Amino acid sequence: MDLVFDRLQYIPTPPKQGGLSLDYQFVAHTNPEQYVTDELTQEHLQKQADFSETINSPNIFGKFNDEQHYLNTLSLVLSSTHETRNRILFCLNEVLPLISANGSLLDIGPGDGSLTKIIAPHFEHITMVDINHQGLNQVKEMLPSSINTSQITGSILNIDLKSNHYNLAVLSHMLYYIDPQLWIGIIKSVYKGLKENGILVIILGGDELGKAELIQDFGGETLEIDQLSLQCLNTFGDSNVTLYASDESFVTCTQDSMLHILGFMLADANITASKDDLNCYITQKLQNSPNHFELTTRQKYIIIKKNSLLMDELHDAETLFSRTQ
């Protein structure tokens, strides 16, 4: 991936937040139309369409046949958007400069490893956590052999993390699969695993724009990402939490490619739909021309910096709470 570092700018004007007053810094491009066409060329989109034809359609969309079906669909999704590129650029430009080199990374839900392999050279040790063992193996093969790598196959809900150990922890697009009522507890647990001045990066999307409309249209509930942002600000303090957001698109040149992508989005929201219903939705809502289909979403970043004094206060408050139960 050929990364260009000067294409993202940060605008201190927050996107519309539906009544919540949250100071997101909006990540934008100096020339968004050119930025999209630079990489999502017709040739690229045709290769994407050819690859989509190799993916078996499930009996119902929003479910995966097996781990390989999930990984193939994920690859298709990532090939249709700049969302991953922007996530990588954000981490390179905004996060890594805040972290000492040669430290330790905790990557929870590394997906296809696109982010992990780019930031890996900054660290001596990487711990990856995921329920998909095959996916973990594939990501490990991408990483330099010089980096000490540990794999934990399982849910973040069921593992014990080392305390005061990691310089950076990443929760990128993985909280979809966990009950939102458990989010803040997971975040506190990961936060405890950070070293002093370590950084926790939480990335989520789908609560606004086209993806939110898709989820709502098929009877699902969009995630309360803004509520989580507010909860993090209240828990960890305004001075330790920074919020960012960027608008993203998923683009294909065939309806079949978009069909698989929508199935992936429905799985994020734990809802399902038939092939016929999804095809109808695509033609009505997402088809801009015979060879252009587009779904929009908003990607949000919650950045939390470790503060040991705050950690002591959190521990004291939790101890007091447990004693009163």
C-alpha atoms as a PDB file:
ATOM      1  CA  MET A   1       0.000   0.000   0.000  1.00  0.00           C
ATOM      2  CA  ASP A   2       1.564   3.266  -1.167  1.00  0.00           C
ATOM      3  CA  LEU A   3       0.731   5.697   1.613  1.00  0.00           C
ATOM      4  CA  VAL A   4       0.641   9.444   1.029  1.00  0.00           C
ATOM      5  CA  PHE A   5       0.936  11.440   4.227  1.00  0.00           C
ATOM      6  CA  ASP A   6      -0.302  14.881   3.198  1.00  0.00           C
ATOM      7  CA  ARG A   7      -3.792  13.993   2.057  1.00  0.00           C
ATOM      8  CA  LEU A   8      -5.558  14.155   5.413  1.00  0.00           C
ATOM      9  CA  GLN A   9      -6.391  17.387   7.152  1.00  0.00           C
ATOM     10  CA  TYR A  10      -8.059  17.916  10.523  1.00  0.00           C
ATOM     11  CA  ILE A  11     -10.894  20.407  10.753  1.00  0.00           C
ATOM     12  CA  PRO A  12     -11.927  21.507  14.271  1.00  0.00           C
ATOM     13  CA  THR A  13     -15.589  21.652  13.210  1.00  0.00           C
ATOM     14  CA  PRO A  14     -17.481  18.576  14.443  1.00  0.00           C
ATOM     15  CA  PRO A  15     -19.899  16.696  12.200  1.00  0.00           C
ATOM     16  CA  LYS A  16     -23.565  16.835  13.159  1.00  0.00           C
ATOM     17  CA  GLN A  17     -24.059  14.721  16.270  1.00  0.00           C
ATOM     18  CA  GLY A  18     -27.829  14.386  16.654  1.00  0.00           C
ATOM     19  CA  GLY A  19     -28.109  16.543  19.740  1.00  0.00           C
ATOM     20  CA  LEU A  20     -24.953  15.446  21.588  1.00  0.00           C
ATOM     21  CA  SER A  21     -22.299  18.123  21.938  1.00  0.00           C
ATOM     22  CA  LEU A  22     -19.127  16.199  21.116  1.00  0.00           C
ATOM     23  CA  ASP A  23     -15.997  17.871  19.801  1.00  0.00           C
ATOM     24  CA  TYR A  24     -14.952  15.497  17.008  1.00  0.00           C
ATOM     25  CA  GLN A  25     -12.107  16.685  14.828  1.00  0.00           C
ATOM     26  CA  PHE A  26     -13.262  15.936  11.324  1.00  0.00           C
ATOM     27  CA  VAL A  27     -10.749  14.157   9.079  1.00  0.00           C
ATOM     28  CA  ALA A  28     -11.111  15.349   5.492  1.00  0.00           C
ATOM     29  CA  HIS A  29      -9.236  15.362   2.179  1.00  0.00           C
ATOM     30  CA  THR A  30      -7.959  18.394   0.329  1.00  0.00           C
ATOM     31  CA  ASN A  31      -9.296  16.942  -2.943  1.00  0.00           C
ATOM     32  CA  PRO A  32     -11.755  14.134  -2.109  1.00  0.00           C
ATOM     33  CA  GLU A  33     -12.892  13.330  -5.653  1.00  0.00           C
ATOM     34  CA  GLN A  34      -9.333  12.967  -6.934  1.00  0.00           C
ATOM     35  CA  TYR A  35      -8.412  10.981  -3.847  1.00  0.00           C
ATOM     36  CA  VAL A  36     -11.078   8.381  -4.601  1.00  0.00           C
ATOM     37  CA  THR A  37     -10.356   8.023  -8.316  1.00  0.00           C
ATOM     38  CA  ASP A  38      -6.582   7.729  -7.765  1.00  0.00           C
ATOM     39  CA  GLU A  39      -6.958   4.204  -6.419  1.00  0.00           C
ATOM     40  CA  LEU A  40     -10.493   2.973  -7.027  1.00  0.00           C
ATOM     41  CA  THR A  41      -9.935   2.962 -10.780  1.00  0.00           C
ATOM     42  CA  GLN A  42     -12.153   1.051 -13.189  1.00  0.00           C
ATOM     43  CA  GLU A  43      -9.434  -1.589 -13.499  1.00  0.00           C
ATOM     44  CA  HIS A  44      -9.297  -1.990  -9.721  1.00  0.00           C
ATOM     45  CA  LEU A  45     -13.077  -2.223  -9.491  1.00  0.00           C
ATOM     46  CA  GLN A  46     -13.185  -4.861 -12.229  1.00  0.00           C
ATOM     47  CA  LYS A  47     -10.645  -7.003 -10.360  1.00  0.00           C
ATOM     48  CA  GLN A  48     -12.794  -6.554  -7.282  1.00  0.00           C
ATOM     49  CA  ALA A  49     -15.856  -7.689  -9.252  1.00  0.00           C
ATOM     50  CA  ASP A  50     -14.006 -10.762 -10.557  1.00  0.00           C
ATOM     51  CA  PHE A  51     -12.990 -11.674  -7.009  1.00  0.00           C
ATOM     52  CA  SER A  52     -16.569 -11.287  -5.739  1.00  0.00           C
ATOM     53  CA  GLU A  53     -17.673 -13.977  -8.211  1.00  0.00           C
ATOM     54  CA  THR A  54     -15.440 -16.480  -6.370  1.00  0.00           C
ATOM     55  CA  ILE A  55     -17.291 -15.899  -3.078  1.00  0.00           C
ATOM     56  CA  ASN A  56     -20.155 -18.304  -2.468  1.00  0.00           C
ATOM     57  CA  SER A  57     -23.448 -16.671  -1.591  1.00  0.00           C
ATOM     58  CA  PRO A  58     -24.714 -17.729   1.854  1.00  0.00           C
ATOM     59  CA  ASN A  59     -28.243 -19.008   2.335  1.00  0.00           C
ATOM     60  CA  ILE A  60     -29.002 -15.781   4.155  1.00  0.00           C
ATOM     61  CA  PHE A  61     -26.921 -12.616   4.151  1.00  0.00           C
ATOM     62  CA  GLY A  62     -25.577 -11.417   7.476  1.00  0.00           C
ATOM     63  CA  LYS A  63     -24.178 -14.883   8.268  1.00  0.00           C
ATOM     64  CA  PHE A  64     -20.954 -16.529   7.116  1.00  0.00           C
ATOM     65  CA  ASN A  65     -20.591 -20.123   5.942  1.00  0.00           C
ATOM     66  CA  ASP A  66     -17.214 -20.551   7.675  1.00  0.00           C
ATOM     67  CA  GLU A  67     -14.021 -18.678   8.612  1.00  0.00           C
ATOM     68  CA  GLN A  68     -12.772 -18.607   5.011  1.00  0.00           C
ATOM     69  CA  HIS A  69     -16.061 -17.147   3.779  1.00  0.00           C
ATOM     70  CA  TYR A  70     -15.694 -14.408   6.396  1.00  0.00           C
ATOM     71  CA  LEU A  71     -12.089 -13.673   5.373  1.00  0.00           C
ATOM     72  CA  ASN A  72     -12.933 -13.574   1.665  1.00  0.00           C
ATOM     73  CA  THR A  73     -15.835 -11.212   2.257  1.00  0.00           C
ATOM     74  CA  LEU A  74     -13.645  -9.031   4.469  1.00  0.00           C
ATOM     75  CA  SER A  75     -11.059  -8.811   1.662  1.00  0.00           C
ATOM     76  CA  LEU A  76     -13.781  -7.710  -0.744  1.00  0.00           C
ATOM     77  CA  VAL A  77     -15.030  -5.066   1.691  1.00  0.00           C
ATOM     78  CA  LEU A  78     -11.539  -3.651   2.206  1.00  0.00           C
ATOM     79  CA  SER A  79     -10.881  -3.541  -1.536  1.00  0.00           C
ATOM     80  CA  SER A  80     -13.914  -1.304  -2.038  1.00  0.00           C
ATOM     81  CA  THR A  81     -13.000   1.565   0.273  1.00  0.00           C
ATOM     82  CA  HIS A  82     -10.343   3.995   1.471  1.00  0.00           C
ATOM     83  CA  GLU A  83     -11.567   3.480   5.038  1.00  0.00           C
ATOM     84  CA  THR A  84      -8.663   1.158   5.870  1.00  0.00           C
ATOM     85  CA  ARG A  85      -6.101   3.450   4.246  1.00  0.00           C
ATOM     86  CA  ASN A  86      -7.422   6.402   6.225  1.00  0.00           C
ATOM     87  CA  ARG A  87      -7.332   4.376   9.428  1.00  0.00           C
ATOM     88  CA  ILE A  88      -3.685   3.501   8.754  1.00  0.00           C
ATOM     89  CA  LEU A  89      -2.756   7.080   7.891  1.00  0.00           C
ATOM     90  CA  PHE A  90      -4.475   8.286  11.036  1.00  0.00           C
ATOM     91  CA  CYS A  91      -2.519   5.868  13.232  1.00  0.00           C
ATOM     92  CA  LEU A  92       0.770   6.712  11.509  1.00  0.00           C
ATOM     93  CA  ASN A  93       0.250  10.476  11.654  1.00  0.00           C
ATOM     94  CA  GLU A  94      -1.629  10.973  14.910  1.00  0.00           C
ATOM     95  CA  VAL A  95      -0.911   7.999  17.171  1.00  0.00           C
ATOM     96  CA  LEU A  96       2.577   6.546  16.604  1.00  0.00           C
ATOM     97  CA  PRO A  97       4.367   9.904  17.161  1.00  0.00           C
ATOM     98  CA  LEU A  98       2.942   9.838  20.704  1.00  0.00           C
ATOM     99  CA  ILE A  99       4.424   6.413  21.478  1.00  0.00           C
ATOM    100  CA  SER A 100       8.012   5.388  22.195  1.00  0.00           C
ATOM    101  CA  ALA A 101       9.526   3.108  19.564  1.00  0.00           C
ATOM    102  CA  ASN A 102      10.393  -0.539  20.281  1.00  0.00           C
ATOM    103  CA  GLY A 103       7.529  -1.002  22.704  1.00  0.00           C
ATOM    104  CA  SER A 104       4.590  -3.415  22.817  1.00  0.00           C
ATOM    105  CA  LEU A 105       1.368  -3.462  20.778  1.00  0.00           C
ATOM    106  CA  LEU A 106      -1.917  -5.110  21.768  1.00  0.00           C
ATOM    107  CA  ASP A 107      -4.099  -5.591  18.669  1.00  0.00           C
ATOM    108  CA  ILE A 108      -7.575  -6.877  19.505  1.00  0.00           C
ATOM    109  CA  GLY A 109      -9.373  -8.007  16.367  1.00  0.00           C
ATOM    110  CA  PRO A 110      -6.650  -7.416  13.736  1.00  0.00           C
ATOM    111  CA  GLY A 111      -8.913  -8.495  10.852  1.00  0.00           C
ATOM    112  CA  ASP A 112      -6.892  -9.018   7.686  1.00  0.00           C
ATOM    113  CA  GLY A 113      -3.815  -7.382   9.248  1.00  0.00           C
ATOM    114  CA  SER A 114      -3.783  -4.294   7.004  1.00  0.00           C
ATOM    115  CA  LEU A 115      -3.215  -1.944   9.933  1.00  0.00           C
ATOM    116  CA  THR A 116      -1.101  -4.358  11.966  1.00  0.00           C
ATOM    117  CA  LYS A 117       1.535  -4.979   9.292  1.00  0.00           C
ATOM    118  CA  ILE A 118       2.036  -1.253   8.604  1.00  0.00           C
ATOM    119  CA  ILE A 119       2.538  -0.182  12.220  1.00  0.00           C
ATOM    120  CA  ALA A 120       4.359  -3.391  13.248  1.00  0.00           C
ATOM    121  CA  PRO A 121       7.925  -2.061  12.608  1.00  0.00           C
ATOM    122  CA  HIS A 122       7.368   0.476  15.387  1.00  0.00           C
ATOM    123  CA  PHE A 123       7.190  -2.311  18.001  1.00  0.00           C
ATOM    124  CA  GLU A 124       9.386  -5.080  19.413  1.00  0.00           C
ATOM    125  CA  HIS A 125       6.466  -7.196  20.573  1.00  0.00           C
ATOM    126  CA  ILE A 126       2.923  -7.633  19.256  1.00  0.00           C
ATOM    127  CA  THR A 127       0.080  -9.481  20.971  1.00  0.00           C
ATOM    128  CA  MET A 128      -2.915 -10.267  18.754  1.00  0.00           C
ATOM    129  CA  VAL A 129      -6.306 -11.371  20.074  1.00  0.00           C
ATOM    130  CA  ASP A 130      -9.085 -12.786  17.888  1.00  0.00           C
ATOM    131  CA  ILE A 131     -11.624 -15.612  17.885  1.00  0.00           C
ATOM    132  CA  ASN A 132     -10.620 -16.428  14.283  1.00  0.00           C
ATOM    133  CA  HIS A 133      -7.531 -18.662  14.597  1.00  0.00           C
ATOM    134  CA  GLN A 134      -7.042 -18.912  10.841  1.00  0.00           C
ATOM    135  CA  GLY A 135      -7.097 -15.125  10.571  1.00  0.00           C
ATOM    136  CA  LEU A 136      -4.480 -14.771  13.316  1.00  0.00           C
ATOM    137  CA  ASN A 137      -2.184 -17.184  11.498  1.00  0.00           C
ATOM    138  CA  GLN A 138      -2.541 -15.234   8.269  1.00  0.00           C
ATOM    139  CA  VAL A 139      -1.713 -11.944   9.971  1.00  0.00           C
ATOM    140  CA  LYS A 140       1.320 -13.439  11.726  1.00  0.00           C
ATOM    141  CA  GLU A 141       2.728 -14.538   8.359  1.00  0.00           C
ATOM    142  CA  MET A 142       2.638 -10.889   7.217  1.00  0.00           C
ATOM    143  CA  LEU A 143       4.777  -9.636  10.101  1.00  0.00           C
ATOM    144  CA  PRO A 144       8.586  -9.429  10.133  1.00  0.00           C
ATOM    145  CA  SER A 145      10.187 -12.432  11.803  1.00  0.00           C
ATOM    146  CA  SER A 146      12.265 -10.058  13.927  1.00  0.00           C
ATOM    147  CA  ILE A 147       9.173  -9.001  15.865  1.00  0.00           C
ATOM    148  CA  ASN A 148       8.212 -11.146  18.842  1.00  0.00           C
ATOM    149  CA  THR A 149       4.574 -12.082  18.201  1.00  0.00           C
ATOM    150  CA  SER A 150       2.018 -13.696  20.500  1.00  0.00           C
ATOM    151  CA  GLN A 151      -1.388 -14.988  19.440  1.00  0.00           C
ATOM    152  CA  ILE A 152      -4.405 -15.430  21.706  1.00  0.00           C
ATOM    153  CA  THR A 153      -7.352 -17.239  20.126  1.00  0.00           C
ATOM    154  CA  GLY A 154     -10.473 -16.218  21.989  1.00  0.00           C
ATOM    155  CA  SER A 155     -12.756 -13.347  22.940  1.00  0.00           C
ATOM    156  CA  ILE A 156     -11.476 -10.323  24.805  1.00  0.00           C
ATOM    157  CA  LEU A 157     -14.277 -11.117  27.265  1.00  0.00           C
ATOM    158  CA  ASN A 158     -12.569 -14.336  28.372  1.00  0.00           C
ATOM    159  CA  ILE A 159      -8.862 -13.519  28.608  1.00  0.00           C
ATOM    160  CA  ASP A 160      -6.654 -11.849  31.201  1.00  0.00           C
ATOM    161  CA  LEU A 161      -4.395  -9.063  29.953  1.00  0.00           C
ATOM    162  CA  LYS A 162      -1.077  -8.065  31.461  1.00  0.00           C
ATOM    163  CA  SER A 163      -1.190  -4.865  33.511  1.00  0.00           C
ATOM    164  CA  ASN A 164       0.946  -1.821  32.668  1.00  0.00           C
ATOM    165  CA  HIS A 165       2.482  -3.665  29.724  1.00  0.00           C
ATOM    166  CA  TYR A 166       1.399  -2.194  26.362  1.00  0.00           C
ATOM    167  CA  ASN A 167       2.409   1.070  24.718  1.00  0.00           C
ATOM    168  CA  LEU A 168      -0.482   0.925  22.265  1.00  0.00           C
ATOM    169  CA  ALA A 169      -3.764  -0.994  22.295  1.00  0.00           C
ATOM    170  CA  VAL A 170      -6.071  -1.059  19.273  1.00  0.00           C
ATOM    171  CA  LEU A 171      -9.770  -1.958  19.231  1.00  0.00           C
ATOM    172  CA  SER A 172     -10.486  -1.439  15.537  1.00  0.00           C
ATOM    173  CA  HIS A 173     -13.986  -2.309  14.312  1.00  0.00           C
ATOM    174  CA  MET A 174     -14.380  -5.255  16.697  1.00  0.00           C
ATOM    175  CA  LEU A 175     -16.806  -4.003  19.354  1.00  0.00           C
ATOM    176  CA  TYR A 176     -19.684  -4.700  16.944  1.00  0.00           C
ATOM    177  CA  TYR A 177     -19.642  -8.316  18.092  1.00  0.00           C
ATOM    178  CA  ILE A 178     -19.915  -7.546  21.823  1.00  0.00           C
ATOM    179  CA  ASP A 179     -22.912  -6.405  23.860  1.00  0.00           C
ATOM    180  CA  PRO A 180     -22.646  -2.575  24.072  1.00  0.00           C
ATOM    181  CA  GLN A 181     -23.378  -2.740  27.793  1.00  0.00           C
ATOM    182  CA  LEU A 182     -20.005  -4.483  28.179  1.00  0.00           C
ATOM    183  CA  TRP A 183     -18.013  -1.954  26.129  1.00  0.00           C
ATOM    184  CA  ILE A 184     -16.889   0.367  28.895  1.00  0.00           C
ATOM    185  CA  GLY A 185     -15.817  -2.581  31.062  1.00  0.00           C
ATOM    186  CA  ILE A 186     -13.680  -3.935  28.214  1.00  0.00           C
ATOM    187  CA  ILE A 187     -12.208  -0.494  27.600  1.00  0.00           C
ATOM    188  CA  LYS A 188     -11.298  -0.129  31.280  1.00  0.00           C
ATOM    189  CA  SER A 189      -9.669  -3.574  31.230  1.00  0.00           C
ATOM    190  CA  VAL A 190      -7.579  -2.733  28.165  1.00  0.00           C
ATOM    191  CA  TYR A 191      -6.764   0.685  29.622  1.00  0.00           C
ATOM    192  CA  LYS A 192      -5.294  -1.008  32.721  1.00  0.00           C
ATOM    193  CA  GLY A 193      -3.013  -2.982  30.421  1.00  0.00           C
ATOM    194  CA  LEU A 194      -1.385   0.194  29.098  1.00  0.00           C
ATOM    195  CA  LYS A 195       1.889   1.599  30.332  1.00  0.00           C
ATOM    196  CA  GLU A 196       1.974   5.166  31.602  1.00  0.00           C
ATOM    197  CA  ASN A 197       1.260   7.539  28.672  1.00  0.00           C
ATOM    198  CA  GLY A 198       0.246   4.547  26.552  1.00  0.00           C
ATOM    199  CA  ILE A 199      -2.530   5.033  24.001  1.00  0.00           C
ATOM    200  CA  LEU A 200      -5.804   3.166  23.469  1.00  0.00           C
ATOM    201  CA  VAL A 201      -7.342   3.565  19.996  1.00  0.00           C
ATOM    202  CA  ILE A 202     -11.021   2.627  19.538  1.00  0.00           C
ATOM    203  CA  ILE A 203     -12.422   2.729  15.996  1.00  0.00           C
ATOM    204  CA  LEU A 204     -16.081   2.183  15.105  1.00  0.00           C
ATOM    205  CA  GLY A 205     -18.487   3.202  12.364  1.00  0.00           C
ATOM    206  CA  GLY A 206     -21.980   2.770  11.011  1.00  0.00           C
ATOM    207  CA  ASP A 207     -24.061   5.002  13.265  1.00  0.00           C
ATOM    208  CA  GLU A 208     -24.598   7.613  10.552  1.00  0.00           C
ATOM    209  CA  LEU A 209     -25.039   7.965   6.770  1.00  0.00           C
ATOM    210  CA  GLY A 210     -25.741   5.052   4.409  1.00  0.00           C
ATOM    211  CA  LYS A 211     -24.693   2.159   6.640  1.00  0.00           C
ATOM    212  CA  ALA A 212     -26.957   3.399   9.420  1.00  0.00           C
ATOM    213  CA  GLU A 213     -29.853   3.659   6.963  1.00  0.00           C
ATOM    214  CA  LEU A 214     -29.198   0.087   5.772  1.00  0.00           C
ATOM    215  CA  ILE A 215     -29.210  -1.286   9.310  1.00  0.00           C
ATOM    216  CA  GLN A 216     -32.372   0.575  10.259  1.00  0.00           C
ATOM    217  CA  ASP A 217     -34.152  -0.436   7.038  1.00  0.00           C
ATOM    218  CA  PHE A 218     -33.631  -4.129   7.850  1.00  0.00           C
ATOM    219  CA  GLY A 219     -34.805  -3.799  11.431  1.00  0.00           C
ATOM    220  CA  GLY A 220     -31.485  -3.450  13.211  1.00  0.00           C
ATOM    221  CA  GLU A 221     -30.308  -0.900  15.736  1.00  0.00           C
ATOM    222  CA  THR A 222     -27.355   1.365  15.015  1.00  0.00           C
ATOM    223  CA  LEU A 223     -24.586   1.536  17.572  1.00  0.00           C
ATOM    224  CA  GLU A 224     -24.557   4.342  20.113  1.00  0.00           C
ATOM    225  CA  ILE A 225     -20.999   5.392  19.276  1.00  0.00           C
ATOM    226  CA  ASP A 226     -21.547   8.958  20.432  1.00  0.00           C
ATOM    227  CA  GLN A 227     -22.810   7.659  23.773  1.00  0.00           C
ATOM    228  CA  LEU A 228     -19.618   5.617  24.085  1.00  0.00           C
ATOM    229  CA  SER A 229     -17.537   8.692  23.262  1.00  0.00           C
ATOM    230  CA  LEU A 230     -19.351  10.642  25.959  1.00  0.00           C
ATOM    231  CA  GLN A 231     -18.915   7.795  28.430  1.00  0.00           C
ATOM    232  CA  CYS A 232     -15.156   7.689  27.719  1.00  0.00           C
ATOM    233  CA  LEU A 233     -14.898  11.465  28.214  1.00  0.00           C
ATOM    234  CA  ASN A 234     -16.714  11.187  31.540  1.00  0.00           C
ATOM    235  CA  THR A 235     -14.689   8.151  32.674  1.00  0.00           C
ATOM    236  CA  PHE A 236     -11.176   9.101  31.582  1.00  0.00           C
ATOM    237  CA  GLY A 237     -11.410  12.903  31.507  1.00  0.00           C
ATOM    238  CA  ASP A 238     -11.528  15.481  28.714  1.00  0.00           C
ATOM    239  CA  SER A 239      -7.763  16.018  28.867  1.00  0.00           C
ATOM    240  CA  ASN A 240      -7.066  12.318  28.208  1.00  0.00           C
ATOM    241  CA  VAL A 241      -9.621  11.677  25.420  1.00  0.00           C
ATOM    242  CA  THR A 242      -9.603  13.011  21.850  1.00  0.00           C
ATOM    243  CA  LEU A 243     -12.295  12.346  19.234  1.00  0.00           C
ATOM    244  CA  TYR A 244     -11.966  12.200  15.444  1.00  0.00           C
ATOM    245  CA  ALA A 245     -14.332  11.290  12.595  1.00  0.00           C
ATOM    246  CA  SER A 246     -14.139  10.734   8.834  1.00  0.00           C
ATOM    247  CA  ASP A 247     -16.716  10.109   6.120  1.00  0.00           C
ATOM    248  CA  GLU A 248     -16.049   7.020   3.997  1.00  0.00           C
ATOM    249  CA  SER A 249     -17.535   5.234   0.982  1.00  0.00           C
ATOM    250  CA  PHE A 250     -17.683   1.641  -0.246  1.00  0.00           C
ATOM    251  CA  VAL A 251     -17.683   1.589  -4.053  1.00  0.00           C
ATOM    252  CA  THR A 252     -18.251  -1.274  -6.511  1.00  0.00           C
ATOM    253  CA  CYS A 253     -18.938  -1.580 -10.236  1.00  0.00           C
ATOM    254  CA  THR A 254     -21.295  -4.560  -9.933  1.00  0.00           C
ATOM    255  CA  GLN A 255     -24.393  -5.285  -7.907  1.00  0.00           C
ATOM    256  CA  ASP A 256     -23.049  -8.703  -6.885  1.00  0.00           C
ATOM    257  CA  SER A 257     -20.006  -7.122  -5.227  1.00  0.00           C
ATOM    258  CA  MET A 258     -22.186  -4.698  -3.285  1.00  0.00           C
ATOM    259  CA  LEU A 259     -24.442  -7.587  -2.259  1.00  0.00           C
ATOM    260  CA  HIS A 260     -21.592  -9.310  -0.398  1.00  0.00           C
ATOM    261  CA  ILE A 261     -20.504  -6.021   1.170  1.00  0.00           C
ATOM    262  CA  LEU A 262     -24.009  -5.380   2.513  1.00  0.00           C
ATOM    263  CA  GLY A 263     -24.045  -8.895   3.950  1.00  0.00           C
ATOM    264  CA  PHE A 264     -20.890  -8.023   5.863  1.00  0.00           C
ATOM    265  CA  MET A 265     -22.466  -4.799   7.150  1.00  0.00           C
ATOM    266  CA  LEU A 266     -25.555  -6.686   8.313  1.00  0.00           C
ATOM    267  CA  ALA A 267     -23.342  -9.150  10.185  1.00  0.00           C
ATOM    268  CA  ASP A 268     -21.782  -6.195  12.028  1.00  0.00           C
ATOM    269  CA  ALA A 269     -25.273  -5.313  13.249  1.00  0.00           C
ATOM    270  CA  ASN A 270     -26.240  -8.953  13.967  1.00  0.00           C
ATOM    271  CA  ILE A 271     -29.148  -8.889  11.515  1.00  0.00           C
ATOM    272  CA  THR A 272     -29.904 -10.818   8.329  1.00  0.00           C
ATOM    273  CA  ALA A 273     -31.692 -10.388   5.003  1.00  0.00           C
ATOM    274  CA  SER A 274     -32.549 -12.429   1.938  1.00  0.00           C
ATOM    275  CA  LYS A 275     -30.699 -12.036  -1.342  1.00  0.00           C
ATOM    276  CA  ASP A 276     -33.811 -10.716  -3.071  1.00  0.00           C
ATOM    277  CA  ASP A 277     -34.462  -8.062  -0.428  1.00  0.00           C
ATOM    278  CA  LEU A 278     -30.842  -6.901  -0.484  1.00  0.00           C
ATOM    279  CA  ASN A 279     -30.785  -6.709  -4.283  1.00  0.00           C
ATOM    280  CA  CYS A 280     -33.945  -4.621  -4.194  1.00  0.00           C
ATOM    281  CA  TYR A 281     -32.362  -2.290  -1.625  1.00  0.00           C
ATOM    282  CA  ILE A 282     -29.233  -1.899  -3.751  1.00  0.00           C
ATOM    283  CA  THR A 283     -31.111  -0.901  -6.904  1.00  0.00           C
ATOM    284  CA  GLN A 284     -33.323   1.538  -5.014  1.00  0.00           C
ATOM    285  CA  LYS A 285     -30.768   3.177  -2.696  1.00  0.00           C
ATOM    286  CA  LEU A 286     -27.178   2.511  -3.766  1.00  0.00           C
ATOM    287  CA  GLN A 287     -27.047   2.406  -7.564  1.00  0.00           C
ATOM    288  CA  ASN A 288     -25.800   5.698  -9.008  1.00  0.00           C
ATOM    289  CA  SER A 289     -25.317   4.344 -12.549  1.00  0.00           C
ATOM    290  CA  PRO A 290     -25.223   0.925 -14.252  1.00  0.00           C
ATOM    291  CA  ASN A 291     -21.593   0.516 -13.123  1.00  0.00           C
ATOM    292  CA  HIS A 292     -21.456   2.528  -9.919  1.00  0.00           C
ATOM    293  CA  PHE A 293     -22.791   1.388  -6.537  1.00  0.00           C
ATOM    294  CA  GLU A 294     -21.894   3.273  -3.355  1.00  0.00           C
ATOM    295  CA  LEU A 295     -22.569   2.928   0.370  1.00  0.00           C
ATOM    296  CA  THR A 296     -21.463   5.689   2.749  1.00  0.00           C
ATOM    297  CA  THR A 297     -20.565   5.529   6.429  1.00  0.00           C
ATOM    298  CA  ARG A 298     -18.891   7.624   9.126  1.00  0.00           C
ATOM    299  CA  GLN A 299     -15.805   6.237  10.872  1.00  0.00           C
ATOM    300  CA  LYS A 300     -15.142   7.474  14.415  1.00  0.00           C
ATOM    301  CA  TYR A 301     -11.991   7.327  16.528  1.00  0.00           C
ATOM    302  CA  ILE A 302     -11.798   7.513  20.315  1.00  0.00           C
ATOM    303  CA  ILE A 303      -8.220   8.094  21.483  1.00  0.00           C
ATOM    304  CA  ILE A 304      -7.493   7.599  25.215  1.00  0.00           C
ATOM    305  CA  LYS A 305      -4.158   8.351  26.864  1.00  0.00           C
ATOM    306  CA  LYS A 306      -3.122   6.426  30.012  1.00  0.00           C
ATOM    307  CA  ASN A 307      -2.890   8.528  33.155  1.00  0.00           C
ATOM    308  CA  SER A 308      -1.743   6.611  36.243  1.00  0.00           C
ATOM    309  CA  LEU A 309      -3.352   9.070  38.665  1.00  0.00           C
ATOM    310  CA  LEU A 310      -6.678   8.510  36.934  1.00  0.00           C
ATOM    311  CA  MET A 311      -6.066   4.760  37.060  1.00  0.00           C
ATOM    312  CA  ASP A 312      -5.755   4.938  40.854  1.00  0.00           C
ATOM    313  CA  GLU A 313      -8.995   6.912  41.041  1.00  0.00           C
ATOM    314  CA  LEU A 314     -10.792   4.343  38.858  1.00  0.00           C
ATOM    315  CA  HIS A 315      -9.515   1.508  41.042  1.00  0.00           C
ATOM    316  CA  ASP A 316     -10.623   3.250  44.244  1.00  0.00           C
ATOM    317  CA  ALA A 317     -14.088   3.958  42.811  1.00  0.00           C
ATOM    318  CA  GLU A 318     -14.547   0.353  41.650  1.00  0.00           C
ATOM    319  CA  THR A 319     -13.390  -0.993  45.040  1.00  0.00           C
ATOM    320  CA  LEU A 320     -15.840   1.279  46.864  1.00  0.00           C
ATOM    321  CA  PHE A 321     -18.648   0.205  44.502  1.00  0.00           C
ATOM    322  CA  SER A 322     -17.947  -3.504  45.041  1.00  0.00           C
ATOM    323  CA  ARG A 323     -17.993  -3.051  48.825  1.00  0.00           C
ATOM    324  CA  THR A 324     -21.437  -1.465  48.702  1.00  0.00           C
ATOM    325  CA  GLN A 325     -23.003  -4.372  46.753  1.00  0.00           C
END
